[in-house]
Amino acid sequence: MHSDEYDIKETSYEVWKAIKQAHPNLKVFGSFTDFDDDRGRVFTSYGFEGASFPVMQAYSTWDEEPHEEYEYFRKRVNEEHHYWLCLPKKCEEC
């Protein structure tokens, strides 16, 4: 989630959503999904094609109801979401 090329600034869902809607050409820059027992998490970054770093990132975690028999039908509970804007670092050589 951190880089030598850019800093991140936490933002609200409303700002993140507005940027995503205003720029439908944003592409998934990178993503991972992980499940640890009954805890899930997903991280996704979005950017413009050909850019050297993403414009924004999102990270979500959740628990899955343990009593469901089939994993496909398990419900997400205790969801948490975090959103960031990716800002270029100052170039000392520029």
PDB file of N, CA and C in Angstrom:
ATOM      1  N   MET A   1       0.811  -1.191   0.000  1.00  0.00           N
ATOM      2  CA  MET A   1       0.000   0.000   0.000  1.00  0.00           C
ATOM      3  C   MET A   1       0.858   1.260   0.000  1.00  0.00           C
ATOM      4  N   HIS A   2       2.128   1.163   0.317  1.00  0.00           N
ATOM      5  CA  HIS A   2       3.000   2.324   0.312  1.00  0.00           C
ATOM      6  C   HIS A   2       4.013   2.192  -0.811  1.00  0.00           C
ATOM      7  N   SER A   3       4.525   3.336  -1.235  1.00  0.00           N
ATOM      8  CA  SER A   3       5.432   3.337  -2.371  1.00  0.00           C
ATOM      9  C   SER A   3       6.454   4.451  -2.225  1.00  0.00           C
ATOM     10  N   ASP A   4       7.584   4.289  -2.903  1.00  0.00           N
ATOM     11  CA  ASP A   4       8.577   5.355  -2.963  1.00  0.00           C
ATOM     12  C   ASP A   4       8.137   6.451  -3.929  1.00  0.00           C
ATOM     13  N   GLU A   5       7.200   6.156  -4.819  1.00  0.00           N
ATOM     14  CA  GLU A   5       6.769   7.115  -5.829  1.00  0.00           C
ATOM     15  C   GLU A   5       5.618   8.011  -5.382  1.00  0.00           C
ATOM     16  N   TYR A   6       4.835   7.558  -4.430  1.00  0.00           N
ATOM     17  CA  TYR A   6       3.665   8.338  -4.032  1.00  0.00           C
ATOM     18  C   TYR A   6       3.345   8.162  -2.554  1.00  0.00           C
ATOM     19  N   ASP A   7       2.644   9.148  -2.026  1.00  0.00           N
ATOM     20  CA  ASP A   7       2.116   9.091  -0.667  1.00  0.00           C
ATOM     21  C   ASP A   7       0.630   8.787  -0.765  1.00  0.00           C
ATOM     22  N   ILE A   8       0.054   8.347   0.340  1.00  0.00           N
ATOM     23  CA  ILE A   8      -1.384   8.116   0.354  1.00  0.00           C
ATOM     24  C   ILE A   8      -2.037   9.033   1.383  1.00  0.00           C
ATOM     25  N   LYS A   9      -3.219   9.469   1.050  1.00  0.00           N
ATOM     26  CA  LYS A   9      -4.006  10.334   1.931  1.00  0.00           C
ATOM     27  C   LYS A   9      -5.373   9.696   2.080  1.00  0.00           C
ATOM     28  N   GLU A  10      -5.740   9.367   3.318  1.00  0.00           N
ATOM     29  CA  GLU A  10      -7.050   8.742   3.529  1.00  0.00           C
ATOM     30  C   GLU A  10      -8.147   9.714   3.124  1.00  0.00           C
ATOM     31  N   THR A  11      -9.203   9.168   2.529  1.00  0.00           N
ATOM     32  CA  THR A  11     -10.320   9.975   2.076  1.00  0.00           C
ATOM     33  C   THR A  11     -11.623   9.274   2.427  1.00  0.00           C
ATOM     34  N   SER A  12     -12.711   9.926   2.133  1.00  0.00           N
ATOM     35  CA  SER A  12     -14.026   9.358   2.419  1.00  0.00           C
ATOM     36  C   SER A  12     -14.504   8.514   1.230  1.00  0.00           C
ATOM     37  N   TYR A  13     -15.488   7.692   1.499  1.00  0.00           N
ATOM     38  CA  TYR A  13     -16.087   6.907   0.430  1.00  0.00           C
ATOM     39  C   TYR A  13     -16.705   7.821  -0.620  1.00  0.00           C
ATOM     40  N   GLU A  14     -17.323   8.905  -0.183  1.00  0.00           N
ATOM     41  CA  GLU A  14     -17.993   9.807  -1.109  1.00  0.00           C
ATOM     42  C   GLU A  14     -17.010  10.415  -2.117  1.00  0.00           C
ATOM     43  N   VAL A  15     -15.834  10.830  -1.662  1.00  0.00           N
ATOM     44  CA  VAL A  15     -14.818  11.381  -2.562  1.00  0.00           C
ATOM     45  C   VAL A  15     -14.312  10.288  -3.492  1.00  0.00           C
ATOM     46  N   TRP A  16     -14.009   9.126  -2.940  1.00  0.00           N
ATOM     47  CA  TRP A  16     -13.492   8.003  -3.726  1.00  0.00           C
ATOM     48  C   TRP A  16     -14.495   7.616  -4.816  1.00  0.00           C
ATOM     49  N   LYS A  17     -15.764   7.513  -4.437  1.00  0.00           N
ATOM     50  CA  LYS A  17     -16.820   7.143  -5.383  1.00  0.00           C
ATOM     51  C   LYS A  17     -16.986   8.201  -6.477  1.00  0.00           C
ATOM     52  N   ALA A  18     -16.930   9.477  -6.109  1.00  0.00           N
ATOM     53  CA  ALA A  18     -17.087  10.560  -7.088  1.00  0.00           C
ATOM     54  C   ALA A  18     -15.974  10.507  -8.136  1.00  0.00           C
ATOM     55  N   ILE A  19     -14.746  10.250  -7.704  1.00  0.00           N
ATOM     56  CA  ILE A  19     -13.629  10.147  -8.656  1.00  0.00           C
ATOM     57  C   ILE A  19     -13.829   8.943  -9.563  1.00  0.00           C
ATOM     58  N   LYS A  20     -14.221   7.824  -8.992  1.00  0.00           N
ATOM     59  CA  LYS A  20     -14.421   6.602  -9.791  1.00  0.00           C
ATOM     60  C   LYS A  20     -15.534   6.809 -10.826  1.00  0.00           C
ATOM     61  N   GLN A  21     -16.599   7.484 -10.438  1.00  0.00           N
ATOM     62  CA  GLN A  21     -17.702   7.735 -11.375  1.00  0.00           C
ATOM     63  C   GLN A  21     -17.316   8.761 -12.441  1.00  0.00           C
ATOM     64  N   ALA A  22     -16.535   9.754 -12.065  1.00  0.00           N
ATOM     65  CA  ALA A  22     -16.145  10.801 -13.011  1.00  0.00           C
ATOM     66  C   ALA A  22     -15.110  10.311 -14.031  1.00  0.00           C
ATOM     67  N   HIS A  23     -14.417   9.237 -13.691  1.00  0.00           N
ATOM     68  CA  HIS A  23     -13.363   8.705 -14.571  1.00  0.00           C
ATOM     69  C   HIS A  23     -13.590   7.217 -14.838  1.00  0.00           C
ATOM     70  N   PRO A  24     -14.548   6.888 -15.694  1.00  0.00           N
ATOM     71  CA  PRO A  24     -14.831   5.475 -15.961  1.00  0.00           C
ATOM     72  C   PRO A  24     -13.664   4.754 -16.640  1.00  0.00           C
ATOM     73  N   ASN A  25     -12.667   5.494 -17.115  1.00  0.00           N
ATOM     74  CA  ASN A  25     -11.512   4.869 -17.753  1.00  0.00           C
ATOM     75  C   ASN A  25     -10.448   4.436 -16.742  1.00  0.00           C
ATOM     76  N   LEU A  26     -10.681   4.626 -15.448  1.00  0.00           N
ATOM     77  CA  LEU A  26      -9.757   4.094 -14.444  1.00  0.00           C
ATOM     78  C   LEU A  26      -9.752   2.574 -14.534  1.00  0.00           C
ATOM     79  N   LYS A  27      -8.573   2.002 -14.465  1.00  0.00           N
ATOM     80  CA  LYS A  27      -8.406   0.550 -14.547  1.00  0.00           C
ATOM     81  C   LYS A  27      -7.885   0.021 -13.213  1.00  0.00           C
ATOM     82  N   VAL A  28      -8.091  -1.251 -12.964  1.00  0.00           N
ATOM     83  CA  VAL A  28      -7.501  -1.878 -11.789  1.00  0.00           C
ATOM     84  C   VAL A  28      -5.993  -1.893 -12.008  1.00  0.00           C
ATOM     85  N   PHE A  29      -5.290  -1.275 -11.088  1.00  0.00           N
ATOM     86  CA  PHE A  29      -3.836  -1.149 -11.168  1.00  0.00           C
ATOM     87  C   PHE A  29      -3.159  -2.344 -10.494  1.00  0.00           C
ATOM     88  N   GLY A  30      -3.802  -2.836  -9.451  1.00  0.00           N
ATOM     89  CA  GLY A  30      -3.319  -3.999  -8.716  1.00  0.00           C
ATOM     90  C   GLY A  30      -4.377  -4.433  -7.731  1.00  0.00           C
ATOM     91  N   SER A  31      -4.359  -5.704  -7.358  1.00  0.00           N
ATOM     92  CA  SER A  31      -5.380  -6.202  -6.453  1.00  0.00           C
ATOM     93  C   SER A  31      -4.910  -7.483  -5.779  1.00  0.00           C
ATOM     94  N   PHE A  32      -5.375  -7.699  -4.557  1.00  0.00           N
ATOM     95  CA  PHE A  32      -5.212  -9.001  -3.929  1.00  0.00           C
ATOM     96  C   PHE A  32      -6.411  -9.261  -3.028  1.00  0.00           C
ATOM     97  N   THR A  33      -6.720 -10.529  -2.902  1.00  0.00           N
ATOM     98  CA  THR A  33      -7.784 -10.996  -2.028  1.00  0.00           C
ATOM     99  C   THR A  33      -7.208 -12.102  -1.174  1.00  0.00           C
ATOM    100  N   ASP A  34      -7.575 -12.115   0.101  1.00  0.00           N
ATOM    101  CA  ASP A  34      -7.016 -13.097   1.022  1.00  0.00           C
ATOM    102  C   ASP A  34      -8.099 -13.510   2.009  1.00  0.00           C
ATOM    103  N   PHE A  35      -8.112 -14.775   2.354  1.00  0.00           N
ATOM    104  CA  PHE A  35      -9.035 -15.291   3.351  1.00  0.00           C
ATOM    105  C   PHE A  35      -8.234 -16.031   4.404  1.00  0.00           C
ATOM    106  N   ASP A  36      -8.458 -15.666   5.652  1.00  0.00           N
ATOM    107  CA  ASP A  36      -7.798 -16.299   6.782  1.00  0.00           C
ATOM    108  C   ASP A  36      -8.895 -16.831   7.691  1.00  0.00           C
ATOM    109  N   ASP A  37      -9.113 -18.130   7.661  1.00  0.00           N
ATOM    110  CA  ASP A  37     -10.227 -18.748   8.388  1.00  0.00           C
ATOM    111  C   ASP A  37     -11.536 -18.110   7.922  1.00  0.00           C
ATOM    112  N   ASP A  38     -12.228 -17.408   8.798  1.00  0.00           N
ATOM    113  CA  ASP A  38     -13.501 -16.785   8.442  1.00  0.00           C
ATOM    114  C   ASP A  38     -13.371 -15.276   8.253  1.00  0.00           C
ATOM    115  N   ARG A  39     -12.140 -14.790   8.036  1.00  0.00           N
ATOM    116  CA  ARG A  39     -11.890 -13.353   7.838  1.00  0.00           C
ATOM    117  C   ARG A  39     -11.408 -13.136   6.410  1.00  0.00           C
ATOM    118  N   GLY A  40     -12.057 -12.224   5.704  1.00  0.00           N
ATOM    119  CA  GLY A  40     -11.662 -11.924   4.336  1.00  0.00           C
ATOM    120  C   GLY A  40     -11.126 -10.516   4.233  1.00  0.00           C
ATOM    121  N   ARG A  41     -10.296 -10.291   3.228  1.00  0.00           N
ATOM    122  CA  ARG A  41      -9.796  -8.944   2.969  1.00  0.00           C
ATOM    123  C   ARG A  41      -9.485  -8.809   1.490  1.00  0.00           C
ATOM    124  N   VAL A  42      -9.669  -7.596   0.993  1.00  0.00           N
ATOM    125  CA  VAL A  42      -9.373  -7.316  -0.406  1.00  0.00           C
ATOM    126  C   VAL A  42      -8.776  -5.915  -0.497  1.00  0.00           C
ATOM    127  N   PHE A  43      -7.744  -5.797  -1.307  1.00  0.00           N
ATOM    128  CA  PHE A  43      -7.101  -4.512  -1.574  1.00  0.00           C
ATOM    129  C   PHE A  43      -7.100  -4.310  -3.078  1.00  0.00           C
ATOM    130  N   THR A  44      -7.514  -3.125  -3.521  1.00  0.00           N
ATOM    131  CA  THR A  44      -7.524  -2.817  -4.947  1.00  0.00           C
ATOM    132  C   THR A  44      -7.049  -1.393  -5.146  1.00  0.00           C
ATOM    133  N   SER A  45      -6.182  -1.210  -6.136  1.00  0.00           N
ATOM    134  CA  SER A  45      -5.764   0.139  -6.517  1.00  0.00           C
ATOM    135  C   SER A  45      -6.212   0.386  -7.948  1.00  0.00           C
ATOM    136  N   TYR A  46      -6.539   1.648  -8.237  1.00  0.00           N
ATOM    137  CA  TYR A  46      -7.050   2.048  -9.546  1.00  0.00           C
ATOM    138  C   TYR A  46      -6.182   3.163 -10.109  1.00  0.00           C
ATOM    139  N   GLY A  47      -5.945   3.111 -11.409  1.00  0.00           N
ATOM    140  CA  GLY A  47      -5.154   4.151 -12.049  1.00  0.00           C
ATOM    141  C   GLY A  47      -5.480   4.253 -13.527  1.00  0.00           C
ATOM    142  N   PHE A  48      -4.823   5.203 -14.173  1.00  0.00           N
ATOM    143  CA  PHE A  48      -5.002   5.399 -15.604  1.00  0.00           C
ATOM    144  C   PHE A  48      -4.001   4.539 -16.365  1.00  0.00           C
ATOM    145  N   GLU A  49      -4.422   4.025 -17.481  1.00  0.00           N
ATOM    146  CA  GLU A  49      -3.561   3.187 -18.307  1.00  0.00           C
ATOM    147  C   GLU A  49      -2.281   3.948 -18.655  1.00  0.00           C
ATOM    148  N   GLY A  50      -1.145   3.295 -18.477  1.00  0.00           N
ATOM    149  CA  GLY A  50       0.149   3.878 -18.797  1.00  0.00           C
ATOM    150  C   GLY A  50       0.762   4.715 -17.683  1.00  0.00           C
ATOM    151  N   ALA A  51       0.035   4.955 -16.603  1.00  0.00           N
ATOM    152  CA  ALA A  51       0.563   5.748 -15.490  1.00  0.00           C
ATOM    153  C   ALA A  51       1.565   4.926 -14.682  1.00  0.00           C
ATOM    154  N   SER A  52       2.449   5.610 -13.973  1.00  0.00           N
ATOM    155  CA  SER A  52       3.462   4.895 -13.195  1.00  0.00           C
ATOM    156  C   SER A  52       2.995   4.534 -11.793  1.00  0.00           C
ATOM    157  N   PHE A  53       1.898   5.132 -11.335  1.00  0.00           N
ATOM    158  CA  PHE A  53       1.350   4.744 -10.036  1.00  0.00           C
ATOM    159  C   PHE A  53      -0.159   4.982 -10.038  1.00  0.00           C
ATOM    160  N   PRO A  54      -0.883   4.373  -9.096  1.00  0.00           N
ATOM    161  CA  PRO A  54      -2.346   4.485  -9.073  1.00  0.00           C
ATOM    162  C   PRO A  54      -2.807   5.862  -8.614  1.00  0.00           C
ATOM    163  N   VAL A  55      -4.099   6.116  -8.811  1.00  0.00           N
ATOM    164  CA  VAL A  55      -4.743   7.357  -8.388  1.00  0.00           C
ATOM    165  C   VAL A  55      -5.399   7.172  -7.019  1.00  0.00           C
ATOM    166  N   MET A  56      -5.931   5.978  -6.786  1.00  0.00           N
ATOM    167  CA  MET A  56      -6.633   5.724  -5.529  1.00  0.00           C
ATOM    168  C   MET A  56      -6.606   4.243  -5.179  1.00  0.00           C
ATOM    169  N   GLN A  57      -6.864   3.984  -3.900  1.00  0.00           N
ATOM    170  CA  GLN A  57      -6.830   2.614  -3.384  1.00  0.00           C
ATOM    171  C   GLN A  57      -8.013   2.390  -2.440  1.00  0.00           C
ATOM    172  N   ALA A  58      -8.384   1.137  -2.316  1.00  0.00           N
ATOM    173  CA  ALA A  58      -9.446   0.759  -1.378  1.00  0.00           C
ATOM    174  C   ALA A  58      -9.043  -0.541  -0.690  1.00  0.00           C
ATOM    175  N   TYR A  59      -9.391  -0.654   0.585  1.00  0.00           N
ATOM    176  CA  TYR A  59      -9.080  -1.853   1.367  1.00  0.00           C
ATOM    177  C   TYR A  59     -10.307  -2.188   2.205  1.00  0.00           C
ATOM    178  N   SER A  60     -10.758  -3.427   2.109  1.00  0.00           N
ATOM    179  CA  SER A  60     -11.939  -3.867   2.860  1.00  0.00           C
ATOM    180  C   SER A  60     -11.629  -5.162   3.594  1.00  0.00           C
ATOM    181  N   THR A  61     -12.198  -5.287   4.785  1.00  0.00           N
ATOM    182  CA  THR A  61     -12.106  -6.527   5.555  1.00  0.00           C
ATOM    183  C   THR A  61     -13.500  -6.885   6.038  1.00  0.00           C
ATOM    184  N   TRP A  62     -13.699  -8.165   6.312  1.00  0.00           N
ATOM    185  CA  TRP A  62     -14.994  -8.620   6.801  1.00  0.00           C
ATOM    186  C   TRP A  62     -14.848  -9.987   7.443  1.00  0.00           C
ATOM    187  N   ASP A  63     -15.835 -10.309   8.266  1.00  0.00           N
ATOM    188  CA  ASP A  63     -15.985 -11.657   8.821  1.00  0.00           C
ATOM    189  C   ASP A  63     -17.096 -12.326   8.050  1.00  0.00           C
ATOM    190  N   GLU A  64     -17.051 -13.638   8.003  1.00  0.00           N
ATOM    191  CA  GLU A  64     -18.130 -14.388   7.380  1.00  0.00           C
ATOM    192  C   GLU A  64     -18.878 -15.148   8.457  1.00  0.00           C
ATOM    193  N   GLU A  65     -20.192 -15.172   8.323  1.00  0.00           N
ATOM    194  CA  GLU A  65     -20.993 -15.896   9.299  1.00  0.00           C
ATOM    195  C   GLU A  65     -20.578 -17.353   9.310  1.00  0.00           C
ATOM    196  N   PRO A  66     -20.139 -17.859  10.437  1.00  0.00           N
ATOM    197  CA  PRO A  66     -19.608 -19.224  10.477  1.00  0.00           C
ATOM    198  C   PRO A  66     -20.657 -20.323  10.413  1.00  0.00           C
ATOM    199  N   HIS A  67     -21.912 -19.998  10.602  1.00  0.00           N
ATOM    200  CA  HIS A  67     -22.921 -21.050  10.681  1.00  0.00           C
ATOM    201  C   HIS A  67     -23.499 -21.462   9.330  1.00  0.00           C
ATOM    202  N   GLU A  68     -23.154 -20.762   8.266  1.00  0.00           N
ATOM    203  CA  GLU A  68     -23.673 -21.139   6.953  1.00  0.00           C
ATOM    204  C   GLU A  68     -23.000 -22.422   6.464  1.00  0.00           C
ATOM    205  N   GLU A  69     -23.776 -23.321   5.909  1.00  0.00           N
ATOM    206  CA  GLU A  69     -23.274 -24.618   5.471  1.00  0.00           C
ATOM    207  C   GLU A  69     -22.422 -24.516   4.212  1.00  0.00           C
ATOM    208  N   TYR A  70     -22.844 -23.690   3.261  1.00  0.00           N
ATOM    209  CA  TYR A  70     -22.136 -23.582   1.997  1.00  0.00           C
ATOM    210  C   TYR A  70     -21.438 -22.228   1.914  1.00  0.00           C
ATOM    211  N   GLU A  71     -20.154 -22.230   1.610  1.00  0.00           N
ATOM    212  CA  GLU A  71     -19.373 -20.994   1.577  1.00  0.00           C
ATOM    213  C   GLU A  71     -19.967 -19.958   0.635  1.00  0.00           C
ATOM    214  N   TYR A  72     -20.522 -20.379  -0.485  1.00  0.00           N
ATOM    215  CA  TYR A  72     -21.067 -19.440  -1.458  1.00  0.00           C
ATOM    216  C   TYR A  72     -22.159 -18.566  -0.856  1.00  0.00           C
ATOM    217  N   PHE A  73     -22.890 -19.112   0.100  1.00  0.00           N
ATOM    218  CA  PHE A  73     -24.025 -18.401   0.679  1.00  0.00           C
ATOM    219  C   PHE A  73     -23.677 -17.681   1.983  1.00  0.00           C
ATOM    220  N   ARG A  74     -22.426 -17.728   2.404  1.00  0.00           N
ATOM    221  CA  ARG A  74     -22.044 -17.070   3.652  1.00  0.00           C
ATOM    222  C   ARG A  74     -22.181 -15.559   3.513  1.00  0.00           C
ATOM    223  N   LYS A  75     -22.644 -14.921   4.554  1.00  0.00           N
ATOM    224  CA  LYS A  75     -22.850 -13.476   4.531  1.00  0.00           C
ATOM    225  C   LYS A  75     -21.659 -12.766   5.171  1.00  0.00           C
ATOM    226  N   ARG A  76     -21.343 -11.595   4.630  1.00  0.00           N
ATOM    227  CA  ARG A  76     -20.299 -10.765   5.203  1.00  0.00           C
ATOM    228  C   ARG A  76     -20.878  -9.977   6.381  1.00  0.00           C
ATOM    229  N   VAL A  77     -20.151  -9.966   7.476  1.00  0.00           N
ATOM    230  CA  VAL A  77     -20.526  -9.171   8.644  1.00  0.00           C
ATOM    231  C   VAL A  77     -19.287  -8.428   9.132  1.00  0.00           C
ATOM    232  N   ASN A  78     -19.494  -7.410   9.941  1.00  0.00           N
ATOM    233  CA  ASN A  78     -18.393  -6.611  10.494  1.00  0.00           C
ATOM    234  C   ASN A  78     -17.485  -6.043   9.402  1.00  0.00           C
ATOM    235  N   GLU A  79     -18.087  -5.560   8.332  1.00  0.00           N
ATOM    236  CA  GLU A  79     -17.295  -5.011   7.231  1.00  0.00           C
ATOM    237  C   GLU A  79     -16.644  -3.687   7.629  1.00  0.00           C
ATOM    238  N   GLU A  80     -15.415  -3.504   7.184  1.00  0.00           N
ATOM    239  CA  GLU A  80     -14.694  -2.251   7.354  1.00  0.00           C
ATOM    240  C   GLU A  80     -14.105  -1.876   6.003  1.00  0.00           C
ATOM    241  N   HIS A  81     -14.189  -0.591   5.667  1.00  0.00           N
ATOM    242  CA  HIS A  81     -13.686  -0.117   4.379  1.00  0.00           C
ATOM    243  C   HIS A  81     -12.815   1.114   4.601  1.00  0.00           C
ATOM    244  N   HIS A  82     -11.717   1.176   3.866  1.00  0.00           N
ATOM    245  CA  HIS A  82     -10.801   2.316   3.925  1.00  0.00           C
ATOM    246  C   HIS A  82     -10.475   2.733   2.502  1.00  0.00           C
ATOM    247  N   TYR A  83     -10.371   4.044   2.301  1.00  0.00           N
ATOM    248  CA  TYR A  83     -10.143   4.596   0.967  1.00  0.00           C
ATOM    249  C   TYR A  83      -9.009   5.611   1.024  1.00  0.00           C
ATOM    250  N   TRP A  84      -8.153   5.603  -0.010  1.00  0.00           N
ATOM    251  CA  TRP A  84      -7.023   6.525  -0.072  1.00  0.00           C
ATOM    252  C   TRP A  84      -6.892   7.128  -1.463  1.00  0.00           C
ATOM    253  N   LEU A  85      -6.373   8.336  -1.500  1.00  0.00           N
ATOM    254  CA  LEU A  85      -5.923   8.961  -2.737  1.00  0.00           C
ATOM    255  C   LEU A  85      -4.411   8.796  -2.788  1.00  0.00           C
ATOM    256  N   CYS A  86      -3.866   8.610  -3.967  1.00  0.00           N
ATOM    257  CA  CYS A  86      -2.425   8.455  -4.149  1.00  0.00           C
ATOM    258  C   CYS A  86      -1.877   9.763  -4.708  1.00  0.00           C
ATOM    259  N   LEU A  87      -0.960  10.360  -3.970  1.00  0.00           N
ATOM    260  CA  LEU A  87      -0.430  11.667  -4.327  1.00  0.00           C
ATOM    261  C   LEU A  87       1.058  11.557  -4.653  1.00  0.00           C
ATOM    262  N   PRO A  88       1.508  12.151  -5.761  1.00  0.00           N
ATOM    263  CA  PRO A  88       2.917  12.056  -6.124  1.00  0.00           C
ATOM    264  C   PRO A  88       3.806  12.716  -5.068  1.00  0.00           C
ATOM    265  N   LYS A  89       4.950  12.086  -4.832  1.00  0.00           N
ATOM    266  CA  LYS A  89       5.931  12.689  -3.932  1.00  0.00           C
ATOM    267  C   LYS A  89       6.677  13.782  -4.666  1.00  0.00           C
ATOM    268  N   LYS A  90       7.145  14.744  -3.938  1.00  0.00           N
ATOM    269  CA  LYS A  90       7.899  15.843  -4.529  1.00  0.00           C
ATOM    270  C   LYS A  90       9.193  15.296  -5.129  1.00  0.00           C
ATOM    271  N   CYS A  91       9.455  15.700  -6.347  1.00  0.00           N
ATOM    272  CA  CYS A  91      10.658  15.262  -7.049  1.00  0.00           C
ATOM    273  C   CYS A  91      11.800  16.211  -6.722  1.00  0.00           C
ATOM    274  N   GLU A  92      12.838  15.728  -6.079  1.00  0.00           N
ATOM    275  CA  GLU A  92      13.979  16.550  -5.714  1.00  0.00           C
ATOM    276  C   GLU A  92      14.787  16.966  -6.937  1.00  0.00           C
ATOM    277  N   GLU A  93      14.677  16.213  -8.025  1.00  0.00           N
ATOM    278  CA  GLU A  93      15.456  16.494  -9.228  1.00  0.00           C
ATOM    279  C   GLU A  93      14.699  17.381 -10.209  1.00  0.00           C
ATOM    280  N   CYS A  94      13.426  17.668  -9.935  1.00  0.00           N
ATOM    281  CA  CYS A  94      12.608  18.454 -10.877  1.00  0.00           C
ATOM    282  C   CYS A  94      12.831  19.945 -10.716  1.00  0.00           C
TER     283      CYS A  94
END
